[in-house]
N, C-alpha and C. Protein backbone atom coordinates (compact mmCIF):
# COMPACT_ATOMS: atom_id res chain seq x y z
N ARG A 1 -21.35 -25.20 98.48
CA ARG A 1 -20.20 -23.94 98.70
C ARG A 1 -18.85 -25.45 99.21
N LEU A 2 -19.42 -26.16 100.06
CA LEU A 2 -18.43 -27.01 100.80
C LEU A 2 -17.31 -27.83 100.08
N VAL A 3 -18.24 -27.90 98.76
CA VAL A 3 -18.01 -29.35 97.19
C VAL A 3 -16.85 -28.36 96.58
N GLU A 4 -16.96 -27.38 96.50
CA GLU A 4 -16.02 -26.05 95.92
C GLU A 4 -15.06 -26.28 96.67
N HIS A 5 -14.95 -26.05 97.81
CA HIS A 5 -13.62 -25.75 98.90
C HIS A 5 -12.78 -27.22 99.10
N GLY A 6 -13.27 -27.96 98.23
CA GLY A 6 -12.35 -29.48 98.58
C GLY A 6 -12.67 -30.56 99.19
N VAL A 7 -14.20 -30.18 100.08
CA VAL A 7 -15.08 -31.09 101.50
C VAL A 7 -15.32 -32.14 99.93
N PRO A 8 -14.61 -33.13 101.09
CA PRO A 8 -15.31 -34.53 99.87
C PRO A 8 -15.84 -35.34 100.40
N PHE A 9 -16.95 -34.96 101.34
CA PHE A 9 -18.08 -35.24 101.71
C PHE A 9 -19.05 -34.97 102.63
N VAL A 10 -20.20 -34.18 102.02
CA VAL A 10 -21.32 -33.53 102.33
C VAL A 10 -22.02 -34.24 102.89
N SER A 11 -22.68 -34.44 104.13
CA SER A 11 -23.96 -34.76 104.94
C SER A 11 -25.14 -33.94 105.68
N VAL A 12 -26.08 -34.10 104.52
CA VAL A 12 -27.32 -33.18 105.22
C VAL A 12 -28.60 -33.73 105.18
N ASN A 13 -28.79 -33.64 106.92
CA ASN A 13 -30.44 -34.39 107.53
C ASN A 13 -31.51 -33.11 107.15
N TRP A 14 -32.30 -33.53 106.94
CA TRP A 14 -33.66 -32.77 106.57
C TRP A 14 -34.15 -32.68 107.76
N HIS A 15 -34.04 -30.87 108.04
CA HIS A 15 -34.97 -30.36 109.29
C HIS A 15 -35.66 -28.89 108.61
N ASN A 16 -36.97 -28.88 108.63
CA ASN A 16 -38.02 -28.26 107.73
C ASN A 16 -38.69 -27.58 109.42
N ASP A 17 -38.68 -26.40 109.73
CA ASP A 17 -38.81 -25.68 110.77
C ASP A 17 -40.72 -25.73 110.75
N ALA A 18 -41.53 -25.54 109.61
CA ALA A 18 -42.85 -26.19 109.81
C ALA A 18 -43.08 -27.68 110.17
N ASN A 19 -42.48 -28.59 109.49
CA ASN A 19 -42.28 -29.98 109.18
C ASN A 19 -41.42 -30.92 109.61
N PRO A 20 -40.99 -30.76 110.76
CA PRO A 20 -39.18 -31.59 110.85
C PRO A 20 -39.68 -32.94 110.44
N PHE A 21 -40.51 -33.49 110.53
CA PHE A 21 -40.02 -35.17 110.06
C PHE A 21 -40.53 -35.72 109.27
N TRP A 22 -39.57 -36.30 108.09
CA TRP A 22 -40.65 -36.99 107.52
C TRP A 22 -41.29 -38.30 107.56
N ASP A 23 -40.96 -38.88 109.28
CA ASP A 23 -42.45 -39.51 109.65
C ASP A 23 -43.65 -39.29 109.91
N THR A 24 -43.75 -39.85 109.60
CA THR A 24 -45.23 -39.05 108.77
C THR A 24 -46.42 -40.01 109.76
N HIS A 25 -46.64 -40.23 110.49
CA HIS A 25 -47.44 -41.60 111.14
C HIS A 25 -49.27 -41.33 111.41
N GLY A 26 -49.01 -40.20 111.33
CA GLY A 26 -50.64 -39.53 111.18
C GLY A 26 -50.22 -38.18 110.03
N ASP A 27 -51.19 -37.95 110.07
CA ASP A 27 -52.02 -36.90 108.87
C ASP A 27 -50.27 -36.81 107.61
N ASN A 28 -50.65 -38.25 107.24
CA ASN A 28 -49.37 -38.31 105.82
C ASN A 28 -49.67 -37.48 104.91
N PHE A 29 -50.85 -37.76 104.47
CA PHE A 29 -50.34 -36.89 102.64
C PHE A 29 -50.65 -35.10 102.99
N ASN A 30 -51.69 -35.03 103.71
CA ASN A 30 -51.02 -33.39 104.50
C ASN A 30 -49.40 -32.75 104.33
N LYS A 31 -48.79 -33.72 105.01
CA LYS A 31 -47.64 -33.29 105.27
C LYS A 31 -46.83 -33.90 104.57
N LEU A 32 -46.60 -34.57 103.35
CA LEU A 32 -46.48 -34.82 102.28
C LEU A 32 -45.99 -33.35 100.80
N GLN A 33 -48.09 -32.94 101.16
CA GLN A 33 -48.29 -32.63 99.76
C GLN A 33 -48.21 -30.84 100.01
N ASN A 34 -48.16 -30.50 101.26
CA ASN A 34 -47.96 -29.36 101.71
C ASN A 34 -46.81 -28.48 102.41
N SER A 35 -46.10 -29.50 102.99
CA SER A 35 -44.57 -29.27 103.52
C SER A 35 -43.74 -29.79 103.12
N LEU A 36 -43.78 -31.36 103.66
CA LEU A 36 -42.50 -32.06 103.12
C LEU A 36 -41.73 -31.77 101.32
N VAL A 37 -42.99 -32.49 100.46
CA VAL A 37 -42.07 -32.64 99.29
C VAL A 37 -41.94 -31.44 98.80
N PRO A 38 -43.17 -30.29 98.84
CA PRO A 38 -42.57 -29.16 98.17
C PRO A 38 -41.41 -28.40 98.18
N ALA A 39 -40.73 -28.04 99.75
CA ALA A 39 -39.33 -27.80 99.69
C ALA A 39 -38.16 -28.73 99.89
N ALA A 40 -38.23 -29.58 99.47
CA ALA A 40 -37.81 -30.90 99.33
C ALA A 40 -37.14 -30.96 98.07
N ASP A 41 -38.46 -30.89 97.50
CA ASP A 41 -38.21 -30.65 95.89
C ASP A 41 -37.72 -29.51 95.55
N ARG A 42 -38.07 -28.82 95.76
CA ARG A 42 -37.28 -27.27 95.45
C ARG A 42 -35.83 -27.45 96.27
N ALA A 43 -35.15 -27.99 96.82
CA ALA A 43 -33.79 -28.11 97.16
C ALA A 43 -33.54 -28.85 96.84
N LEU A 44 -33.73 -30.38 96.13
CA LEU A 44 -33.30 -30.68 95.50
C LEU A 44 -32.90 -30.10 93.59
N ALA A 45 -33.82 -29.77 93.40
CA ALA A 45 -34.19 -29.34 91.69
C ALA A 45 -32.57 -27.99 92.27
N ALA A 46 -32.71 -26.92 93.29
CA ALA A 46 -31.82 -26.10 92.53
C ALA A 46 -30.37 -26.68 93.37
N LEU A 47 -29.87 -27.37 94.20
CA LEU A 47 -28.89 -28.19 93.92
C LEU A 47 -28.62 -29.13 92.97
N LEU A 48 -28.93 -29.39 92.50
CA LEU A 48 -28.92 -30.68 91.18
C LEU A 48 -28.51 -29.30 89.80
N ARG A 49 -29.33 -28.08 89.44
CA ARG A 49 -29.34 -27.07 89.27
C ARG A 49 -27.94 -26.73 89.24
N ASP A 50 -27.44 -25.95 90.25
CA ASP A 50 -26.43 -25.58 90.60
C ASP A 50 -24.93 -26.41 90.76
N LEU A 51 -24.89 -27.20 90.62
CA LEU A 51 -24.29 -28.69 90.76
C LEU A 51 -23.60 -28.32 88.66
N HIS A 52 -25.06 -28.50 88.39
CA HIS A 52 -24.62 -28.47 86.89
C HIS A 52 -24.07 -27.50 86.19
N GLU A 53 -24.94 -26.91 86.62
CA GLU A 53 -24.08 -25.24 86.13
C GLU A 53 -22.68 -25.10 85.89
N ARG A 54 -22.61 -25.47 87.17
CA ARG A 54 -20.80 -25.01 87.91
C ARG A 54 -20.22 -26.25 87.05
N GLY A 55 -20.63 -26.96 86.64
CA GLY A 55 -20.15 -27.79 85.78
C GLY A 55 -19.36 -29.35 87.37
N MET A 56 -19.84 -28.84 87.58
CA MET A 56 -19.89 -29.90 89.33
C MET A 56 -20.09 -31.27 89.53
N LEU A 57 -21.12 -31.80 88.25
CA LEU A 57 -22.05 -32.40 88.66
C LEU A 57 -21.83 -33.98 88.52
N GLU A 58 -20.75 -33.77 87.36
CA GLU A 58 -19.95 -35.43 87.42
C GLU A 58 -19.47 -35.93 87.83
N ASP A 59 -18.81 -34.77 88.96
CA ASP A 59 -17.88 -35.03 89.65
C ASP A 59 -18.28 -35.50 90.92
N THR A 60 -19.60 -34.58 91.77
CA THR A 60 -20.06 -35.03 92.78
C THR A 60 -21.87 -36.30 92.56
N LEU A 61 -21.39 -37.41 93.86
CA LEU A 61 -22.51 -37.99 93.72
C LEU A 61 -23.32 -37.47 94.84
N VAL A 62 -24.86 -37.44 94.50
CA VAL A 62 -25.89 -37.07 95.82
C VAL A 62 -26.61 -37.99 95.74
N ALA A 63 -26.72 -38.20 96.83
CA ALA A 63 -27.71 -39.87 97.65
C ALA A 63 -29.00 -39.00 97.91
N TRP A 64 -29.68 -40.03 98.37
CA TRP A 64 -30.99 -39.42 98.10
C TRP A 64 -31.74 -40.50 99.34
N ILE A 65 -31.60 -40.58 100.59
CA ILE A 65 -32.48 -42.11 100.89
C ILE A 65 -32.76 -41.83 102.19
N GLY A 66 -34.33 -42.83 103.14
CA GLY A 66 -33.88 -42.59 103.91
C GLY A 66 -33.60 -43.83 104.57
N GLU A 67 -33.35 -44.59 105.87
CA GLU A 67 -33.30 -45.39 106.74
C GLU A 67 -34.54 -46.72 106.75
N PHE A 68 -35.20 -46.43 105.81
CA PHE A 68 -36.05 -47.33 105.41
C PHE A 68 -37.31 -47.08 104.69
N GLY A 69 -38.48 -48.32 104.58
CA GLY A 69 -40.13 -47.28 103.49
C GLY A 69 -40.90 -47.06 104.27
N ARG A 70 -42.07 -46.81 104.00
CA ARG A 70 -43.51 -46.75 104.83
C ARG A 70 -44.21 -47.61 104.00
N SER A 71 -45.55 -48.35 104.99
CA SER A 71 -45.39 -49.32 104.73
C SER A 71 -46.85 -49.08 103.88
N PRO A 72 -47.34 -50.28 102.87
CA PRO A 72 -48.19 -49.75 101.78
C PRO A 72 -49.75 -48.82 102.44
N GLN A 73 -50.44 -49.63 103.65
CA GLN A 73 -51.05 -49.83 104.50
C GLN A 73 -51.17 -47.70 105.42
N ILE A 74 -52.85 -47.21 104.97
CA ILE A 74 -52.86 -46.13 105.89
C ILE A 74 -53.32 -46.76 106.79
N ASN A 75 -53.23 -46.34 107.96
CA ASN A 75 -53.54 -46.39 109.64
C ASN A 75 -54.63 -45.55 110.19
N GLY A 76 -54.85 -45.31 111.37
CA GLY A 76 -55.89 -45.23 111.37
C GLY A 76 -55.88 -43.54 112.04
N SER A 77 -54.63 -43.41 111.80
CA SER A 77 -54.71 -42.03 112.07
C SER A 77 -54.11 -40.80 110.53
N ALA A 78 -54.37 -41.48 109.25
CA ALA A 78 -53.98 -41.20 108.58
C ALA A 78 -52.80 -41.49 107.68
N GLY A 79 -51.83 -41.98 108.28
CA GLY A 79 -50.44 -41.74 108.58
C GLY A 79 -50.20 -43.24 107.98
N ARG A 80 -48.70 -43.47 107.82
CA ARG A 80 -47.68 -44.64 107.25
C ARG A 80 -46.89 -45.71 108.40
N GLU A 81 -46.83 -46.29 108.46
CA GLU A 81 -46.02 -46.71 109.63
C GLU A 81 -44.38 -46.62 108.62
N HIS A 82 -43.09 -47.18 109.81
CA HIS A 82 -42.27 -47.83 109.70
C HIS A 82 -42.14 -49.34 108.79
N TYR A 83 -41.43 -49.46 107.72
CA TYR A 83 -41.52 -50.73 106.45
C TYR A 83 -40.67 -50.63 106.35
N PRO A 84 -39.67 -52.00 106.03
CA PRO A 84 -38.14 -52.18 105.71
C PRO A 84 -38.78 -52.88 104.75
N GLY A 85 -39.95 -53.78 104.07
CA GLY A 85 -39.64 -54.50 102.73
C GLY A 85 -39.34 -53.27 101.39
N CYS A 86 -40.40 -52.03 101.62
CA CYS A 86 -39.82 -51.67 100.55
C CYS A 86 -39.44 -50.30 100.40
N TYR A 87 -38.40 -49.69 99.43
CA TYR A 87 -38.20 -48.03 99.59
C TYR A 87 -37.16 -48.10 97.99
N SER A 88 -37.45 -46.47 98.16
CA SER A 88 -36.73 -46.39 97.16
C SER A 88 -35.25 -45.37 97.51
N GLY A 89 -34.62 -45.53 96.55
CA GLY A 89 -33.43 -44.40 97.41
C GLY A 89 -33.30 -43.28 95.32
N LEU A 90 -32.62 -42.42 95.82
CA LEU A 90 -32.20 -41.11 94.46
C LEU A 90 -30.61 -41.10 94.34
N LEU A 91 -30.30 -41.27 93.24
CA LEU A 91 -28.57 -40.98 93.22
C LEU A 91 -28.36 -40.32 91.39
N ALA A 92 -27.62 -39.66 91.55
CA ALA A 92 -27.40 -37.90 90.61
C ALA A 92 -25.98 -37.66 90.21
N GLY A 93 -25.61 -37.54 89.27
CA GLY A 93 -24.25 -37.32 89.00
C GLY A 93 -23.54 -38.12 89.38
N GLY A 94 -21.94 -38.29 89.93
CA GLY A 94 -21.24 -39.22 90.51
C GLY A 94 -21.40 -39.98 88.77
N GLY A 95 -21.15 -40.23 87.23
CA GLY A 95 -21.44 -40.56 86.04
C GLY A 95 -22.60 -41.82 86.24
N VAL A 96 -23.40 -41.73 87.67
CA VAL A 96 -24.79 -42.35 87.18
C VAL A 96 -25.65 -41.57 85.61
N ALA A 97 -26.28 -42.17 85.52
CA ALA A 97 -27.15 -42.26 84.31
C ALA A 97 -28.25 -41.02 84.84
N GLY A 98 -28.67 -39.85 83.46
CA GLY A 98 -29.46 -39.27 84.49
C GLY A 98 -30.89 -39.50 83.75
N GLY A 99 -32.02 -39.91 84.44
CA GLY A 99 -33.56 -40.06 84.69
C GLY A 99 -33.42 -41.45 84.16
N ALA A 100 -32.92 -41.56 84.49
CA ALA A 100 -32.77 -43.66 84.95
C ALA A 100 -33.26 -44.23 86.28
N VAL A 101 -34.04 -45.64 85.70
CA VAL A 101 -34.54 -45.56 86.44
C VAL A 101 -34.71 -46.96 86.67
N TYR A 102 -34.22 -47.88 88.10
CA TYR A 102 -33.61 -49.12 88.12
C TYR A 102 -34.40 -49.60 89.20
N GLY A 103 -35.66 -50.44 88.59
CA GLY A 103 -36.41 -51.29 90.15
C GLY A 103 -37.65 -51.00 89.43
N ALA A 104 -38.69 -52.15 90.42
CA ALA A 104 -40.44 -51.77 90.91
C ALA A 104 -40.29 -52.64 91.66
N SER A 105 -41.67 -51.94 92.18
CA SER A 105 -42.51 -52.79 92.99
C SER A 105 -43.79 -53.18 92.43
N ASP A 106 -44.00 -53.94 93.19
CA ASP A 106 -45.42 -54.38 93.12
C ASP A 106 -46.28 -53.51 93.27
N ARG A 107 -48.17 -53.89 92.55
CA ARG A 107 -48.47 -52.35 92.70
C ARG A 107 -49.60 -51.61 93.88
N ILE A 108 -48.92 -51.79 95.04
CA ILE A 108 -49.14 -51.39 96.23
C ILE A 108 -47.77 -51.01 96.74
N GLY A 109 -46.90 -50.93 96.61
CA GLY A 109 -45.41 -50.88 97.29
C GLY A 109 -45.11 -51.69 98.49
N ALA A 110 -45.05 -52.79 98.48
CA ALA A 110 -45.54 -53.85 99.69
C ALA A 110 -44.13 -54.38 99.40
N LYS A 111 -43.64 -55.38 98.16
CA LYS A 111 -42.55 -55.54 97.98
C LYS A 111 -41.60 -54.95 96.77
N PRO A 112 -40.41 -55.55 96.76
CA PRO A 112 -39.90 -55.12 95.21
C PRO A 112 -39.97 -56.67 93.67
N VAL A 113 -40.23 -56.00 92.95
CA VAL A 113 -40.77 -57.55 91.93
C VAL A 113 -39.27 -57.34 91.12
N GLU A 114 -39.05 -56.51 90.67
CA GLU A 114 -38.25 -56.16 89.36
C GLU A 114 -36.62 -55.34 90.00
N GLY A 115 -35.20 -56.01 89.61
CA GLY A 115 -34.14 -55.21 89.69
C GLY A 115 -34.48 -54.89 91.35
N VAL A 116 -34.29 -55.78 92.65
CA VAL A 116 -34.48 -56.19 93.44
C VAL A 116 -33.06 -55.83 94.10
N VAL A 117 -32.76 -54.95 94.56
CA VAL A 117 -31.60 -54.24 95.35
C VAL A 117 -31.71 -54.42 96.94
N SER A 118 -30.78 -54.64 97.76
CA SER A 118 -30.57 -54.94 99.03
C SER A 118 -29.53 -53.39 99.14
N PRO A 119 -29.75 -52.40 100.74
CA PRO A 119 -28.74 -51.41 101.03
C PRO A 119 -27.22 -51.84 100.68
N HIS A 120 -27.40 -52.67 101.17
CA HIS A 120 -25.88 -53.32 100.79
C HIS A 120 -25.41 -52.48 99.15
N ASP A 121 -26.43 -53.23 98.02
CA ASP A 121 -25.84 -52.78 97.03
C ASP A 121 -26.13 -51.78 96.52
N TYR A 122 -26.76 -50.68 97.71
CA TYR A 122 -27.12 -49.00 97.45
C TYR A 122 -25.64 -48.55 97.50
N THR A 123 -25.52 -49.48 99.13
CA THR A 123 -24.20 -48.90 98.92
C THR A 123 -22.75 -49.16 98.54
N ALA A 124 -23.03 -50.12 97.52
CA ALA A 124 -21.82 -50.38 96.43
C ALA A 124 -21.36 -50.07 95.96
N THR A 125 -22.92 -49.11 95.41
CA THR A 125 -22.95 -48.57 94.06
C THR A 125 -22.72 -46.47 94.73
N MET A 126 -22.78 -46.44 95.59
CA MET A 126 -22.44 -44.54 95.60
C MET A 126 -20.84 -45.35 95.80
N MET A 127 -19.90 -46.65 96.31
CA MET A 127 -18.70 -46.64 96.26
C MET A 127 -18.15 -46.99 95.24
N HIS A 128 -19.02 -47.69 94.39
CA HIS A 128 -17.81 -47.77 93.37
C HIS A 128 -17.99 -46.08 92.72
N ALA A 129 -19.22 -45.28 92.51
CA ALA A 129 -19.43 -43.99 92.05
C ALA A 129 -18.10 -42.82 92.33
N LEU A 130 -17.86 -43.51 94.09
CA LEU A 130 -16.71 -42.78 94.25
C LEU A 130 -15.79 -43.07 93.95
N GLY A 131 -15.07 -44.38 93.48
CA GLY A 131 -14.09 -45.26 92.78
C GLY A 131 -13.30 -46.07 94.19
N ILE A 132 -14.66 -46.02 95.23
CA ILE A 132 -14.40 -47.13 95.82
C ILE A 132 -13.70 -48.54 95.58
N PRO A 133 -12.55 -48.91 95.57
CA PRO A 133 -12.79 -50.41 95.01
C PRO A 133 -13.53 -51.39 96.18
N PRO A 134 -14.13 -53.07 95.39
CA PRO A 134 -14.98 -53.57 96.19
C PRO A 134 -14.18 -54.58 97.00
N HIS A 135 -12.62 -54.57 96.91
CA HIS A 135 -11.98 -54.95 98.11
C HIS A 135 -11.39 -53.74 99.25
N ALA A 136 -11.14 -52.98 98.96
CA ALA A 136 -10.64 -51.54 99.80
C ALA A 136 -10.87 -52.42 101.76
N THR A 137 -10.30 -52.14 101.93
CA THR A 137 -10.40 -52.18 103.62
C THR A 137 -10.11 -51.08 104.95
N LEU A 138 -10.57 -51.14 105.93
CA LEU A 138 -10.58 -50.29 106.77
C LEU A 138 -9.64 -51.08 108.50
N LYS A 139 -8.91 -50.32 108.76
CA LYS A 139 -8.73 -51.40 109.77
C LYS A 139 -9.23 -50.38 111.17
N ASP A 140 -9.56 -52.18 111.89
CA ASP A 140 -10.34 -50.97 113.15
C ASP A 140 -8.62 -50.95 114.63
N ARG A 141 -9.36 -50.43 115.42
CA ARG A 141 -7.95 -49.92 116.31
C ARG A 141 -7.33 -51.38 116.63
N SER A 142 -7.54 -52.76 116.59
CA SER A 142 -6.65 -54.44 116.90
C SER A 142 -5.69 -53.87 115.48
N ASP A 143 -6.03 -53.36 114.69
CA ASP A 143 -5.41 -53.11 113.05
C ASP A 143 -5.90 -54.13 112.79
N ARG A 144 -7.33 -54.94 112.87
CA ARG A 144 -7.38 -56.03 111.34
C ARG A 144 -8.24 -55.21 110.52
N PRO A 145 -7.51 -55.57 109.09
CA PRO A 145 -8.64 -54.99 107.97
C PRO A 145 -11.20 -55.72 108.30
N HIS A 146 -10.90 -54.55 108.02
CA HIS A 146 -12.74 -55.10 107.52
C HIS A 146 -12.84 -54.06 106.14
N ARG A 147 -13.28 -55.47 105.22
CA ARG A 147 -14.73 -54.77 104.19
C ARG A 147 -15.11 -53.65 104.06
N MET A 148 -14.92 -52.40 103.25
CA MET A 148 -15.65 -51.40 103.64
C MET A 148 -17.00 -51.72 102.92
N TYR A 149 -16.95 -52.29 102.64
CA TYR A 149 -18.60 -52.53 102.05
C TYR A 149 -18.82 -53.84 101.42
N GLY A 150 -19.98 -54.36 101.59
CA GLY A 150 -20.45 -55.48 100.59
C GLY A 150 -21.27 -55.26 99.48
N GLY A 151 -22.21 -56.14 98.97
CA GLY A 151 -23.30 -55.80 98.02
C GLY A 151 -22.53 -55.59 96.94
N ARG A 152 -23.26 -55.56 95.93
CA ARG A 152 -23.03 -55.31 94.41
C ARG A 152 -23.33 -53.98 93.43
N PRO A 153 -22.31 -53.86 92.88
CA PRO A 153 -22.91 -52.29 92.69
C PRO A 153 -23.91 -52.26 91.03
N ILE A 154 -24.55 -51.24 91.06
CA ILE A 154 -25.75 -51.85 89.95
C ILE A 154 -25.57 -50.78 88.91
N ALA A 155 -24.41 -51.90 87.98
CA ALA A 155 -24.08 -51.61 87.09
C ALA A 155 -24.67 -50.56 85.58
N GLU A 156 -25.80 -51.11 85.61
CA GLU A 156 -26.40 -50.35 85.30
C GLU A 156 -27.17 -48.61 85.08
N LEU A 157 -26.46 -48.14 86.17
CA LEU A 157 -27.24 -46.96 86.19
C LEU A 157 -25.73 -46.08 86.04
N PHE A 158 -24.95 -46.34 85.60
CA PHE A 158 -23.63 -45.34 84.94
C PHE A 158 -23.63 -45.85 83.77
N THR A 159 -23.35 -44.40 82.85
CA THR A 159 -23.11 -43.81 81.26
C THR A 159 -21.71 -44.42 81.27
C-alpha cells in the first residue's frame, strides 16, 4: 500500500514473534522448517502476487538478502554460524527476468564457483534497476561528491 501511495523506498526487517531471528546458531533445521521459512515464503509469495495483480511488479523492485551467509558446517547445537564466504539474494520485479538463477556455489555451499558477484555488484544491480546511473554521486556535509555505489550490475538478470 505504501508503494501505491508513492513511497519510493520501503524497507522491511523480518520479525516473527514465534521465532524472531534468522540468526540460527542453534536448532537451525527445526526453526527453518517450522517457523521461519513457511511464514517468509507465504509473505513473499503474497507480496509478489499482489504487486503482479495490481500491475505494479514491473515498476517495483523487490530485494531480499541478509547481511551474510551461513556456514556449511553444522555446529554442536545443530546450528550454523555467520559465514561471509557464500550467500544468496533474491531480486524480483523492476525489470528483472522472472525465474532466472544466476551463479552457483560448490556442492557444500562453502564458496561461489560460477557467476561470482560481490555485495557491491548486488547493490549496483539494484541501483541499475532503479535507474540510478553508475556515475551518480551524493555530496557529504563538506560538499564533496561520493559515488553512490560501485560494483557491476548483473546485466544477465534483466529482460
